[in-house]
Amino acid sequence: MASASSRSDSASHSAAASGFAALLRAWRDRLSPADAGFTVTDGRRAPGLRREELAQLAGLSVDYVLRLEQGRARNPSDQVVGALARALQLSRAERDQLYRSAGLLPPQDGTVSTHVPPGIQRLAARLGDVPIGVFTADWTLVWWNSMWTALHGDASAVPTAERNLARALFGNGVAHAAMLPVRSERGQDAFEASIVADLKDAVSRYPADAELDRLVRGLREESDTFAHHWATQTAAVQHITDRKTIRHPRTGDLLLDCDVLIVPGADLRMVTYTAAAGSSDAGKLDLLRVTGAGTAATLP
């Protein structure tokens, strides 16, 4: 027979799962599909997101989202709750509420924030013709649109912990293996140095962030190139704008303007890729827009 203590623990876990599930369903019903970047058709029976759309945005399986909403899947990880909070375009207070309902501590001040404000998500979703990826201060990819997927591949196929540009450039894991060939007009050495400069800046501003410290220490051990750039005392230009040639398996080489827009107050970088109207590269982007996602996943 179960003890009173075990029954009490079971009841508390059940109540927590129920609260998390209720929030998930309510906030999914609240979010307009247009604000999330989906085309609204006359056949929709409900105003909010469909379950499969939330799963797509959060990089989760539809079955897992269903089990979360039914309270059958318990103890979601920090990464899962963070992905759901971004997909649902929650405010910071709502994000913290979702974390607490999952039995987790909300992200603490003094660490690199993965929160993408709803307004930034709506703005990026409305620029659907432009490949857009949103990165945190340590160059972790936390949001991307369908054109980003068409140009760079499906980032959701890369494990959450590997969705980092520095890992793609200098590591030896999944992110590095998945990266498409990309050539910077500034030169590869300058591009790499600029990413390391950004990480140095992040470390100076978030000295208590354990994940950031783990990222830097790991890359210094894995990569002689990263270690060399990290040890260099000469100040490097941070990564802001560039022209890049991306070798895509469907279109061949695309020469695109890569602009990095800083989001004030959120410590985020919105990376966009564009081509001059009427150019052959613009035509290739149009082709990708029509044909959809590529087969590779990359974080350039």
C-alpha atoms as a PDB file:
ATOM      1  CA  MET A   1       0.000   0.000   0.000  1.00  0.00           C
ATOM      2  CA  ALA A   2       1.302   3.450  -0.893  1.00  0.00           C
ATOM      3  CA  SER A   3       2.306   5.637   2.017  1.00  0.00           C
ATOM      4  CA  ALA A   4       0.587   8.948   2.748  1.00  0.00           C
ATOM      5  CA  SER A   5       3.800  10.712   1.785  1.00  0.00           C
ATOM      6  CA  SER A   6       4.012   9.025  -1.629  1.00  0.00           C
ATOM      7  CA  ARG A   7       0.321   9.720  -2.291  1.00  0.00           C
ATOM      8  CA  SER A   8       0.909  13.372  -1.376  1.00  0.00           C
ATOM      9  CA  ASP A   9       3.918  13.610  -3.691  1.00  0.00           C
ATOM     10  CA  SER A  10       1.936  11.990  -6.497  1.00  0.00           C
ATOM     11  CA  ALA A  11      -0.904  14.444  -6.004  1.00  0.00           C
ATOM     12  CA  SER A  12       1.427  17.438  -6.045  1.00  0.00           C
ATOM     13  CA  HIS A  13       3.118  16.220  -9.245  1.00  0.00           C
ATOM     14  CA  SER A  14      -0.311  15.692 -10.801  1.00  0.00           C
ATOM     15  CA  ALA A  15      -1.441  19.181  -9.816  1.00  0.00           C
ATOM     16  CA  ALA A  16       1.743  20.725 -11.226  1.00  0.00           C
ATOM     17  CA  ALA A  17       1.338  18.838 -14.512  1.00  0.00           C
ATOM     18  CA  SER A  18      -2.285  19.929 -14.686  1.00  0.00           C
ATOM     19  CA  GLY A  19      -1.331  23.579 -14.165  1.00  0.00           C
ATOM     20  CA  PHE A  20       1.375  23.429 -16.803  1.00  0.00           C
ATOM     21  CA  ALA A  21      -1.002  21.718 -19.250  1.00  0.00           C
ATOM     22  CA  ALA A  22      -3.713  24.302 -18.686  1.00  0.00           C
ATOM     23  CA  LEU A  23      -1.329  27.193 -19.318  1.00  0.00           C
ATOM     24  CA  LEU A  24      -0.025  25.516 -22.446  1.00  0.00           C
ATOM     25  CA  ARG A  25      -3.511  25.036 -23.892  1.00  0.00           C
ATOM     26  CA  ALA A  26      -4.691  28.526 -22.933  1.00  0.00           C
ATOM     27  CA  TRP A  27      -1.689  30.299 -24.413  1.00  0.00           C
ATOM     28  CA  ARG A  28      -1.779  28.184 -27.579  1.00  0.00           C
ATOM     29  CA  ASP A  29      -5.434  29.129 -28.068  1.00  0.00           C
ATOM     30  CA  ARG A  30      -4.548  32.794 -27.512  1.00  0.00           C
ATOM     31  CA  LEU A  31      -1.761  33.138 -30.080  1.00  0.00           C
ATOM     32  CA  SER A  32      -2.811  34.240 -33.570  1.00  0.00           C
ATOM     33  CA  PRO A  33      -1.319  31.998 -36.273  1.00  0.00           C
ATOM     34  CA  ALA A  34      -0.613  35.122 -38.362  1.00  0.00           C
ATOM     35  CA  ASP A  35       1.542  36.533 -35.545  1.00  0.00           C
ATOM     36  CA  ALA A  36       3.452  33.246 -35.520  1.00  0.00           C
ATOM     37  CA  GLY A  37       4.111  33.410 -39.273  1.00  0.00           C
ATOM     38  CA  PHE A  38       1.454  30.960 -40.486  1.00  0.00           C
ATOM     39  CA  THR A  39      -0.990  31.616 -43.317  1.00  0.00           C
ATOM     40  CA  VAL A  40      -4.555  31.903 -42.065  1.00  0.00           C
ATOM     41  CA  THR A  41      -7.156  30.099 -44.191  1.00  0.00           C
ATOM     42  CA  ASP A  42     -10.949  30.020 -44.071  1.00  0.00           C
ATOM     43  CA  GLY A  43     -10.925  26.386 -42.967  1.00  0.00           C
ATOM     44  CA  ARG A  44      -9.567  27.086 -39.470  1.00  0.00           C
ATOM     45  CA  ARG A  45     -12.091  26.217 -36.767  1.00  0.00           C
ATOM     46  CA  ALA A  46     -10.233  27.910 -33.899  1.00  0.00           C
ATOM     47  CA  PRO A  47      -8.475  31.292 -33.671  1.00  0.00           C
ATOM     48  CA  GLY A  48      -5.291  30.055 -32.011  1.00  0.00           C
ATOM     49  CA  LEU A  49      -2.385  27.869 -33.019  1.00  0.00           C
ATOM     50  CA  ARG A  50      -2.908  24.257 -33.945  1.00  0.00           C
ATOM     51  CA  ARG A  51      -1.011  21.739 -31.864  1.00  0.00           C
ATOM     52  CA  GLU A  52       1.184  20.754 -34.799  1.00  0.00           C
ATOM     53  CA  GLU A  53       2.061  24.419 -35.396  1.00  0.00           C
ATOM     54  CA  LEU A  54       3.190  24.850 -31.799  1.00  0.00           C
ATOM     55  CA  ALA A  55       5.240  21.668 -32.110  1.00  0.00           C
ATOM     56  CA  GLN A  56       6.865  22.990 -35.292  1.00  0.00           C
ATOM     57  CA  LEU A  57       7.720  26.350 -33.711  1.00  0.00           C
ATOM     58  CA  ALA A  58       9.143  24.758 -30.565  1.00  0.00           C
ATOM     59  CA  GLY A  59      11.050  22.011 -32.387  1.00  0.00           C
ATOM     60  CA  LEU A  60       9.135  19.264 -30.581  1.00  0.00           C
ATOM     61  CA  SER A  61       7.100  16.285 -31.736  1.00  0.00           C
ATOM     62  CA  VAL A  62       3.332  16.687 -31.981  1.00  0.00           C
ATOM     63  CA  ASP A  63       2.905  13.631 -29.762  1.00  0.00           C
ATOM     64  CA  TYR A  64       5.054  15.174 -27.026  1.00  0.00           C
ATOM     65  CA  VAL A  65       3.096  18.455 -27.122  1.00  0.00           C
ATOM     66  CA  LEU A  66      -0.137  16.438 -26.904  1.00  0.00           C
ATOM     67  CA  ARG A  67       1.132  14.536 -23.853  1.00  0.00           C
ATOM     68  CA  LEU A  68       2.213  17.807 -22.213  1.00  0.00           C
ATOM     69  CA  GLU A  69      -1.203  19.344 -22.807  1.00  0.00           C
ATOM     70  CA  GLN A  70      -2.900  16.265 -21.394  1.00  0.00           C
ATOM     71  CA  GLY A  71      -0.674  16.236 -18.315  1.00  0.00           C
ATOM     72  CA  ARG A  72       0.745  12.831 -19.222  1.00  0.00           C
ATOM     73  CA  ALA A  73       4.286  14.069 -19.870  1.00  0.00           C
ATOM     74  CA  ARG A  74       5.847  15.387 -16.683  1.00  0.00           C
ATOM     75  CA  ASN A  75       9.091  17.124 -15.777  1.00  0.00           C
ATOM     76  CA  PRO A  76       9.842  18.912 -19.087  1.00  0.00           C
ATOM     77  CA  SER A  77      13.413  20.177 -19.274  1.00  0.00           C
ATOM     78  CA  ASP A  78      14.548  23.798 -19.115  1.00  0.00           C
ATOM     79  CA  GLN A  79      15.203  23.661 -22.854  1.00  0.00           C
ATOM     80  CA  VAL A  80      11.691  22.401 -23.633  1.00  0.00           C
ATOM     81  CA  VAL A  81       9.982  25.015 -21.449  1.00  0.00           C
ATOM     82  CA  GLY A  82      12.141  27.771 -22.938  1.00  0.00           C
ATOM     83  CA  ALA A  83      11.316  26.649 -26.485  1.00  0.00           C
ATOM     84  CA  LEU A  84       7.588  26.575 -25.682  1.00  0.00           C
ATOM     85  CA  ALA A  85       7.747  30.027 -24.073  1.00  0.00           C
ATOM     86  CA  ARG A  86       9.369  31.470 -27.198  1.00  0.00           C
ATOM     87  CA  ALA A  87       6.963  29.664 -29.528  1.00  0.00           C
ATOM     88  CA  LEU A  88       3.981  30.976 -27.553  1.00  0.00           C
ATOM     89  CA  GLN A  89       5.437  34.517 -27.585  1.00  0.00           C
ATOM     90  CA  LEU A  90       5.100  34.864 -23.822  1.00  0.00           C
ATOM     91  CA  SER A  91       6.021  37.961 -21.891  1.00  0.00           C
ATOM     92  CA  ARG A  92       8.848  37.626 -19.398  1.00  0.00           C
ATOM     93  CA  ALA A  93       6.370  37.328 -16.495  1.00  0.00           C
ATOM     94  CA  GLU A  94       4.377  34.652 -18.355  1.00  0.00           C
ATOM     95  CA  ARG A  95       7.566  32.789 -19.210  1.00  0.00           C
ATOM     96  CA  ASP A  96       8.502  32.713 -15.528  1.00  0.00           C
ATOM     97  CA  GLN A  97       5.015  31.450 -14.660  1.00  0.00           C
ATOM     98  CA  LEU A  98       5.365  28.615 -17.175  1.00  0.00           C
ATOM     99  CA  TYR A  99       8.743  27.637 -15.694  1.00  0.00           C
ATOM    100  CA  ARG A 100       7.346  27.587 -12.166  1.00  0.00           C
ATOM    101  CA  SER A 101       4.317  25.538 -13.242  1.00  0.00           C
ATOM    102  CA  ALA A 102       6.780  22.959 -14.608  1.00  0.00           C
ATOM    103  CA  GLY A 103       8.560  22.838 -11.246  1.00  0.00           C
ATOM    104  CA  LEU A 104      11.585  24.730 -12.580  1.00  0.00           C
ATOM    105  CA  LEU A 105      13.317  27.919 -11.523  1.00  0.00           C
ATOM    106  CA  PRO A 106      12.888  30.697 -14.114  1.00  0.00           C
ATOM    107  CA  PRO A 107      16.086  31.908 -15.813  1.00  0.00           C
ATOM    108  CA  GLN A 108      18.014  34.091 -13.414  1.00  0.00           C
ATOM    109  CA  ASP A 109      19.238  37.628 -13.978  1.00  0.00           C
ATOM    110  CA  GLY A 110      22.931  37.751 -14.781  1.00  0.00           C
ATOM    111  CA  THR A 111      22.786  34.876 -17.262  1.00  0.00           C
ATOM    112  CA  VAL A 112      22.450  34.969 -21.051  1.00  0.00           C
ATOM    113  CA  SER A 113      18.761  35.407 -21.813  1.00  0.00           C
ATOM    114  CA  THR A 114      17.019  33.198 -24.376  1.00  0.00           C
ATOM    115  CA  HIS A 115      13.787  35.217 -24.183  1.00  0.00           C
ATOM    116  CA  VAL A 116      12.624  36.620 -27.521  1.00  0.00           C
ATOM    117  CA  PRO A 117      10.076  39.424 -26.975  1.00  0.00           C
ATOM    118  CA  PRO A 118       6.715  38.871 -28.707  1.00  0.00           C
ATOM    119  CA  GLY A 119       7.114  42.066 -30.739  1.00  0.00           C
ATOM    120  CA  ILE A 120      10.394  40.842 -32.213  1.00  0.00           C
ATOM    121  CA  GLN A 121       8.797  37.517 -33.137  1.00  0.00           C
ATOM    122  CA  ARG A 122       5.837  39.256 -34.784  1.00  0.00           C
ATOM    123  CA  LEU A 123       8.163  41.570 -36.720  1.00  0.00           C
ATOM    124  CA  ALA A 124      10.319  38.683 -37.920  1.00  0.00           C
ATOM    125  CA  ALA A 125       7.264  36.576 -38.824  1.00  0.00           C
ATOM    126  CA  ARG A 126       5.929  39.389 -41.025  1.00  0.00           C
ATOM    127  CA  LEU A 127       9.209  39.520 -42.967  1.00  0.00           C
ATOM    128  CA  GLY A 128       8.526  36.069 -44.324  1.00  0.00           C
ATOM    129  CA  ASP A 129      10.411  36.595 -47.592  1.00  0.00           C
ATOM    130  CA  VAL A 130      13.700  37.174 -45.731  1.00  0.00           C
ATOM    131  CA  PRO A 131      15.707  34.398 -44.033  1.00  0.00           C
ATOM    132  CA  ILE A 132      15.848  35.462 -40.371  1.00  0.00           C
ATOM    133  CA  GLY A 133      17.472  33.809 -37.380  1.00  0.00           C
ATOM    134  CA  VAL A 134      17.532  35.237 -33.858  1.00  0.00           C
ATOM    135  CA  PHE A 135      20.610  34.534 -31.731  1.00  0.00           C
ATOM    136  CA  THR A 136      21.390  35.165 -28.075  1.00  0.00           C
ATOM    137  CA  ALA A 137      24.459  36.988 -26.750  1.00  0.00           C
ATOM    138  CA  ASP A 138      26.487  33.764 -26.902  1.00  0.00           C
ATOM    139  CA  TRP A 139      25.403  33.075 -30.516  1.00  0.00           C
ATOM    140  CA  THR A 140      22.856  30.378 -29.697  1.00  0.00           C
ATOM    141  CA  LEU A 141      20.066  30.170 -32.261  1.00  0.00           C
ATOM    142  CA  VAL A 142      16.708  30.469 -30.488  1.00  0.00           C
ATOM    143  CA  TRP A 143      14.254  31.488 -33.245  1.00  0.00           C
ATOM    144  CA  TRP A 144      14.124  31.164 -37.028  1.00  0.00           C
ATOM    145  CA  ASN A 145      11.542  31.465 -39.792  1.00  0.00           C
ATOM    146  CA  SER A 146      10.667  29.175 -42.695  1.00  0.00           C
ATOM    147  CA  MET A 147      12.982  31.003 -45.108  1.00  0.00           C
ATOM    148  CA  TRP A 148      15.887  30.449 -42.717  1.00  0.00           C
ATOM    149  CA  THR A 149      15.055  26.761 -42.862  1.00  0.00           C
ATOM    150  CA  ALA A 150      14.857  26.886 -46.667  1.00  0.00           C
ATOM    151  CA  LEU A 151      18.263  28.562 -46.907  1.00  0.00           C
ATOM    152  CA  HIS A 152      20.179  26.894 -44.075  1.00  0.00           C
ATOM    153  CA  GLY A 153      18.257  23.712 -43.361  1.00  0.00           C
ATOM    154  CA  ASP A 154      16.078  22.686 -40.443  1.00  0.00           C
ATOM    155  CA  ALA A 155      17.796  23.791 -37.242  1.00  0.00           C
ATOM    156  CA  SER A 156      15.326  21.719 -35.223  1.00  0.00           C
ATOM    157  CA  ALA A 157      17.178  18.655 -36.551  1.00  0.00           C
ATOM    158  CA  VAL A 158      20.214  19.838 -34.578  1.00  0.00           C
ATOM    159  CA  PRO A 159      20.100  19.053 -30.820  1.00  0.00           C
ATOM    160  CA  THR A 160      19.213  22.124 -28.750  1.00  0.00           C
ATOM    161  CA  ALA A 161      22.585  22.223 -27.002  1.00  0.00           C
ATOM    162  CA  GLU A 162      24.362  22.261 -30.390  1.00  0.00           C
ATOM    163  CA  ARG A 163      22.441  25.168 -31.942  1.00  0.00           C
ATOM    164  CA  ASN A 164      25.306  27.553 -31.434  1.00  0.00           C
ATOM    165  CA  LEU A 165      27.329  29.343 -34.100  1.00  0.00           C
ATOM    166  CA  ALA A 166      30.593  29.040 -32.183  1.00  0.00           C
ATOM    167  CA  ARG A 167      30.044  25.286 -31.862  1.00  0.00           C
ATOM    168  CA  ALA A 168      29.341  25.098 -35.588  1.00  0.00           C
ATOM    169  CA  LEU A 169      32.536  26.984 -36.430  1.00  0.00           C
ATOM    170  CA  PHE A 170      34.968  25.534 -33.908  1.00  0.00           C
ATOM    171  CA  GLY A 171      33.452  22.388 -32.393  1.00  0.00           C
ATOM    172  CA  ASN A 172      33.551  18.813 -33.598  1.00  0.00           C
ATOM    173  CA  GLY A 173      29.925  17.845 -32.864  1.00  0.00           C
ATOM    174  CA  VAL A 174      26.631  17.765 -34.727  1.00  0.00           C
ATOM    175  CA  ALA A 175      26.491  21.502 -35.435  1.00  0.00           C
ATOM    176  CA  HIS A 176      29.912  21.485 -37.101  1.00  0.00           C
ATOM    177  CA  ALA A 177      29.102  18.393 -39.155  1.00  0.00           C
ATOM    178  CA  ALA A 178      25.803  19.908 -40.362  1.00  0.00           C
ATOM    179  CA  MET A 179      27.169  23.297 -41.408  1.00  0.00           C
ATOM    180  CA  LEU A 180      26.954  24.089 -45.105  1.00  0.00           C
ATOM    181  CA  PRO A 181      30.055  25.531 -46.809  1.00  0.00           C
ATOM    182  CA  VAL A 182      29.991  29.294 -46.187  1.00  0.00           C
ATOM    183  CA  ARG A 183      32.603  31.795 -47.398  1.00  0.00           C
ATOM    184  CA  SER A 184      32.844  35.221 -45.780  1.00  0.00           C
ATOM    185  CA  GLU A 185      33.855  38.190 -47.944  1.00  0.00           C
ATOM    186  CA  ARG A 186      35.838  39.492 -44.962  1.00  0.00           C
ATOM    187  CA  GLY A 187      37.820  36.254 -44.862  1.00  0.00           C
ATOM    188  CA  GLN A 188      37.348  33.222 -42.661  1.00  0.00           C
ATOM    189  CA  ASP A 189      39.935  34.337 -40.109  1.00  0.00           C
ATOM    190  CA  ALA A 190      38.233  37.711 -39.596  1.00  0.00           C
ATOM    191  CA  PHE A 191      34.816  36.077 -39.348  1.00  0.00           C
ATOM    192  CA  GLU A 192      36.007  33.578 -36.739  1.00  0.00           C
ATOM    193  CA  ALA A 193      37.774  36.323 -34.781  1.00  0.00           C
ATOM    194  CA  SER A 194      34.584  38.399 -34.709  1.00  0.00           C
ATOM    195  CA  ILE A 195      32.555  35.538 -33.200  1.00  0.00           C
ATOM    196  CA  VAL A 196      35.217  34.979 -30.532  1.00  0.00           C
ATOM    197  CA  ALA A 197      35.190  38.729 -29.817  1.00  0.00           C
ATOM    198  CA  ASP A 198      31.438  38.536 -29.267  1.00  0.00           C
ATOM    199  CA  LEU A 199      31.894  35.628 -26.850  1.00  0.00           C
ATOM    200  CA  LYS A 200      34.571  37.548 -24.944  1.00  0.00           C
ATOM    201  CA  ASP A 201      32.133  40.428 -24.621  1.00  0.00           C
ATOM    202  CA  ALA A 202      29.397  38.065 -23.416  1.00  0.00           C
ATOM    203  CA  VAL A 203      31.714  36.552 -20.783  1.00  0.00           C
ATOM    204  CA  SER A 204      32.563  40.023 -19.487  1.00  0.00           C
ATOM    205  CA  ARG A 205      28.865  40.861 -19.122  1.00  0.00           C
ATOM    206  CA  TYR A 206      27.669  37.475 -17.837  1.00  0.00           C
ATOM    207  CA  PRO A 207      30.506  36.209 -15.615  1.00  0.00           C
ATOM    208  CA  ALA A 208      28.114  34.056 -13.545  1.00  0.00           C
ATOM    209  CA  ASP A 209      26.640  32.165 -16.505  1.00  0.00           C
ATOM    210  CA  ALA A 210      27.720  28.548 -16.061  1.00  0.00           C
ATOM    211  CA  GLU A 211      26.569  27.442 -19.534  1.00  0.00           C
ATOM    212  CA  LEU A 212      28.551  30.212 -21.206  1.00  0.00           C
ATOM    213  CA  ASP A 213      31.623  29.302 -19.173  1.00  0.00           C
ATOM    214  CA  ARG A 214      31.171  25.649 -20.142  1.00  0.00           C
ATOM    215  CA  LEU A 215      30.868  26.607 -23.827  1.00  0.00           C
ATOM    216  CA  VAL A 216      34.071  28.662 -23.818  1.00  0.00           C
ATOM    217  CA  ARG A 217      36.109  26.152 -21.805  1.00  0.00           C
ATOM    218  CA  GLY A 218      34.956  23.319 -24.037  1.00  0.00           C
ATOM    219  CA  LEU A 219      35.840  25.119 -27.255  1.00  0.00           C
ATOM    220  CA  ARG A 220      39.256  26.144 -25.915  1.00  0.00           C
ATOM    221  CA  GLU A 221      39.968  22.468 -25.299  1.00  0.00           C
ATOM    222  CA  GLU A 222      38.484  21.192 -28.576  1.00  0.00           C
ATOM    223  CA  SER A 223      39.789  23.769 -31.035  1.00  0.00           C
ATOM    224  CA  ASP A 224      43.289  25.144 -31.451  1.00  0.00           C
ATOM    225  CA  THR A 225      41.822  27.825 -33.726  1.00  0.00           C
ATOM    226  CA  PHE A 226      39.383  28.969 -31.054  1.00  0.00           C
ATOM    227  CA  ALA A 227      42.099  28.899 -28.399  1.00  0.00           C
ATOM    228  CA  HIS A 228      44.347  31.018 -30.644  1.00  0.00           C
ATOM    229  CA  HIS A 229      41.640  33.653 -31.194  1.00  0.00           C
ATOM    230  CA  TRP A 230      40.769  33.631 -27.497  1.00  0.00           C
ATOM    231  CA  ALA A 231      44.395  34.221 -26.515  1.00  0.00           C
ATOM    232  CA  THR A 232      44.828  37.052 -29.016  1.00  0.00           C
ATOM    233  CA  GLN A 233      44.935  40.387 -27.222  1.00  0.00           C
ATOM    234  CA  THR A 234      44.277  42.545 -30.277  1.00  0.00           C
ATOM    235  CA  ALA A 235      40.669  43.698 -30.270  1.00  0.00           C
ATOM    236  CA  ALA A 236      38.645  42.147 -33.095  1.00  0.00           C
ATOM    237  CA  VAL A 237      35.672  43.754 -34.811  1.00  0.00           C
ATOM    238  CA  GLN A 238      32.445  42.214 -33.568  1.00  0.00           C
ATOM    239  CA  HIS A 239      30.235  40.417 -36.069  1.00  0.00           C
ATOM    240  CA  ILE A 240      27.779  42.958 -37.496  1.00  0.00           C
ATOM    241  CA  THR A 241      27.600  42.830 -41.313  1.00  0.00           C
ATOM    242  CA  ASP A 242      29.165  40.705 -44.023  1.00  0.00           C
ATOM    243  CA  ARG A 243      28.675  39.312 -47.505  1.00  0.00           C
ATOM    244  CA  LYS A 244      28.605  35.549 -47.617  1.00  0.00           C
ATOM    245  CA  THR A 245      28.650  32.905 -50.302  1.00  0.00           C
ATOM    246  CA  ILE A 246      26.559  29.929 -49.235  1.00  0.00           C
ATOM    247  CA  ARG A 247      26.898  26.687 -51.181  1.00  0.00           C
ATOM    248  CA  HIS A 248      23.372  25.302 -51.189  1.00  0.00           C
ATOM    249  CA  PRO A 249      22.668  21.739 -52.390  1.00  0.00           C
ATOM    250  CA  ARG A 250      19.687  22.873 -54.484  1.00  0.00           C
ATOM    251  CA  THR A 251      20.735  26.206 -55.955  1.00  0.00           C
ATOM    252  CA  GLY A 252      24.511  26.156 -55.880  1.00  0.00           C
ATOM    253  CA  ASP A 253      26.350  29.239 -54.632  1.00  0.00           C
ATOM    254  CA  LEU A 254      24.322  32.207 -53.340  1.00  0.00           C
ATOM    255  CA  LEU A 255      26.067  35.538 -52.698  1.00  0.00           C
ATOM    256  CA  LEU A 256      24.000  37.320 -50.038  1.00  0.00           C
ATOM    257  CA  ASP A 257      24.228  40.344 -47.783  1.00  0.00           C
ATOM    258  CA  CYS A 258      24.276  39.195 -44.169  1.00  0.00           C
ATOM    259  CA  ASP A 259      23.202  41.884 -41.698  1.00  0.00           C
ATOM    260  CA  VAL A 260      23.184  41.524 -37.921  1.00  0.00           C
ATOM    261  CA  LEU A 261      20.615  43.745 -36.228  1.00  0.00           C
ATOM    262  CA  ILE A 262      21.014  44.286 -32.492  1.00  0.00           C
ATOM    263  CA  VAL A 263      17.762  44.193 -30.483  1.00  0.00           C
ATOM    264  CA  PRO A 264      18.053  46.933 -27.823  1.00  0.00           C
ATOM    265  CA  GLY A 265      17.115  45.886 -24.319  1.00  0.00           C
ATOM    266  CA  ALA A 266      16.952  42.178 -25.167  1.00  0.00           C
ATOM    267  CA  ASP A 267      20.624  41.412 -25.933  1.00  0.00           C
ATOM    268  CA  LEU A 268      19.661  39.517 -29.076  1.00  0.00           C
ATOM    269  CA  ARG A 269      20.995  39.497 -32.635  1.00  0.00           C
ATOM    270  CA  MET A 270      18.606  39.257 -35.555  1.00  0.00           C
ATOM    271  CA  VAL A 271      20.526  37.877 -38.551  1.00  0.00           C
ATOM    272  CA  THR A 272      19.059  38.507 -42.016  1.00  0.00           C
ATOM    273  CA  TYR A 273      20.083  37.442 -45.526  1.00  0.00           C
ATOM    274  CA  THR A 274      19.061  39.461 -48.575  1.00  0.00           C
ATOM    275  CA  ALA A 275      19.964  39.851 -52.253  1.00  0.00           C
ATOM    276  CA  ALA A 276      19.523  42.791 -54.616  1.00  0.00           C
ATOM    277  CA  ALA A 277      16.173  42.749 -56.418  1.00  0.00           C
ATOM    278  CA  GLY A 278      16.423  41.276 -59.897  1.00  0.00           C
ATOM    279  CA  SER A 279      19.764  39.587 -59.270  1.00  0.00           C
ATOM    280  CA  SER A 280      20.390  35.919 -59.943  1.00  0.00           C
ATOM    281  CA  ASP A 281      20.848  35.389 -56.210  1.00  0.00           C
ATOM    282  CA  ALA A 282      17.428  36.922 -55.528  1.00  0.00           C
ATOM    283  CA  GLY A 283      16.039  34.459 -58.060  1.00  0.00           C
ATOM    284  CA  LYS A 284      17.658  31.600 -56.181  1.00  0.00           C
ATOM    285  CA  LEU A 285      16.086  32.799 -52.926  1.00  0.00           C
ATOM    286  CA  ASP A 286      12.721  32.885 -54.699  1.00  0.00           C
ATOM    287  CA  LEU A 287      13.293  29.293 -55.792  1.00  0.00           C
ATOM    288  CA  LEU A 288      14.020  28.238 -52.218  1.00  0.00           C
ATOM    289  CA  ARG A 289      10.910  30.069 -51.053  1.00  0.00           C
ATOM    290  CA  VAL A 290       8.816  27.977 -53.437  1.00  0.00           C
ATOM    291  CA  THR A 291      10.542  24.631 -52.958  1.00  0.00           C
ATOM    292  CA  GLY A 292      10.796  24.860 -49.168  1.00  0.00           C
ATOM    293  CA  ALA A 293      13.293  23.545 -46.656  1.00  0.00           C
ATOM    294  CA  GLY A 294      16.678  22.211 -47.611  1.00  0.00           C
ATOM    295  CA  THR A 295      18.198  18.983 -46.417  1.00  0.00           C
ATOM    296  CA  ALA A 296      21.037  20.334 -44.304  1.00  0.00           C
ATOM    297  CA  ALA A 297      21.046  22.280 -41.068  1.00  0.00           C
ATOM    298  CA  THR A 298      23.522  25.087 -40.484  1.00  0.00           C
ATOM    299  CA  LEU A 299      24.024  28.140 -38.280  1.00  0.00           C
ATOM    300  CA  PRO A 300      26.056  30.669 -40.291  1.00  0.00           C
END
